[in-house]
Protein backbone atom coordinates (compact mmCIF):
# COMPACT_ATOMS: atom_id res chain seq x y z
CA MET A 1 -11.52 -13.41 -14.95
CA THR A 2 -8.50 -11.47 -16.17
CA LEU A 3 -7.72 -7.90 -17.13
CA PRO A 4 -8.35 -6.51 -20.63
CA LEU A 5 -5.42 -7.11 -22.98
CA ASP A 6 -4.55 -3.40 -23.19
CA VAL A 7 -3.94 -3.16 -19.42
CA SER A 8 -0.30 -3.80 -18.53
CA ARG A 9 0.66 -6.67 -16.26
CA CYS A 10 3.22 -6.60 -13.47
CA ALA A 11 6.00 -9.13 -13.06
CA GLY A 12 5.93 -8.62 -9.29
CA ARG A 13 9.73 -8.29 -9.14
CA TYR A 14 11.92 -5.23 -8.79
CA ASP A 15 14.68 -6.58 -11.08
CA PHE A 16 15.70 -9.55 -13.25
CA ASN A 17 18.02 -11.04 -10.60
CA PRO A 18 16.85 -14.60 -9.75
CA ASP A 19 17.53 -13.85 -6.07
CA GLY A 20 16.08 -10.35 -6.33
CA GLU A 21 13.38 -8.82 -4.22
CA TRP A 22 9.67 -9.45 -4.84
CA CYS A 23 7.00 -6.81 -4.37
CA SER A 24 5.23 -7.38 -1.06
CA GLU A 25 1.92 -6.18 -2.57
CA ARG A 26 1.90 -8.58 -5.52
CA MET A 27 -0.69 -11.07 -4.24
CA SER A 28 -3.23 -8.27 -3.73
CA CYS A 29 -2.60 -6.69 -7.15
CA GLU A 30 -4.73 -7.54 -10.19
CA ARG A 31 -1.86 -6.70 -12.55
CA TYR A 32 0.37 -9.38 -11.01
CA ARG A 33 -2.42 -11.92 -10.56
CA ALA A 34 -3.45 -11.53 -14.21
CA TRP A 35 0.16 -12.11 -15.25
CA MET A 36 0.62 -15.19 -13.07
CA LEU A 37 -2.85 -16.73 -12.88
CA GLY A 38 -5.72 -15.14 -14.75
CA ASP A 39 -4.33 -14.99 -18.28
CA GLU A 40 -3.36 -18.67 -18.25
CA GLU A 41 -6.75 -19.73 -16.92
CA ALA A 42 -8.42 -17.59 -19.61
CA GLY A 43 -6.44 -19.42 -22.31
CA ILE A 44 -4.23 -16.47 -23.30
CA GLU A 45 -0.98 -17.93 -24.60
CA HIS A 46 2.50 -16.44 -24.94
CA TYR A 47 1.49 -12.91 -23.83
CA LYS A 48 2.29 -11.57 -27.26
CA GLY A 49 1.22 -7.94 -27.41
CA ILE A 50 0.41 -7.64 -23.70
CA PRO A 51 2.62 -5.05 -21.96
CA VAL A 52 4.40 -6.27 -18.82
CA MET A 53 6.27 -3.99 -16.42
CA MET A 54 8.64 -4.61 -13.56
CA ALA A 55 7.36 -3.83 -10.06
CA GLN A 56 8.09 -0.38 -8.70
CA ARG A 57 8.49 0.71 -5.11
CA ASP A 58 5.65 3.01 -4.05
CA CYS A 59 3.71 1.82 -7.09
CA ARG A 60 0.88 4.06 -8.24
CA ASP A 61 -0.41 1.57 -10.83
CA LYS A 62 -1.68 -1.10 -8.45
CA ILE A 63 -5.18 -2.41 -9.10
CA GLU A 64 -6.54 -3.87 -5.85
CA VAL A 65 -7.89 -7.41 -6.06
CA ASP A 66 -11.68 -7.41 -5.91
CA ALA A 67 -12.88 -9.34 -2.85
CA GLU A 68 -15.65 -11.08 -4.80
C-alpha cells in the first residue's frame, strides 16, 4: 500500500549533499517509505506530478507507519 498521489513524499534527507545527514525518523514515516518503497511496489513510475519535499528538523508533517 502507498499514499494517495496528492500526498507529498519525503526524501528523508536534510540537503542534497551526498554525504549529508539523513532524518533519523525516516524509517517510521509513511511519506519516506512511500517514496522509497511503496510507490515502486505499486507500479508508480517516474513520480511525475507527485510532490516530494526534503526532510525538516522537528518535522510536523510526519505520518507514522501503521503497525499492521
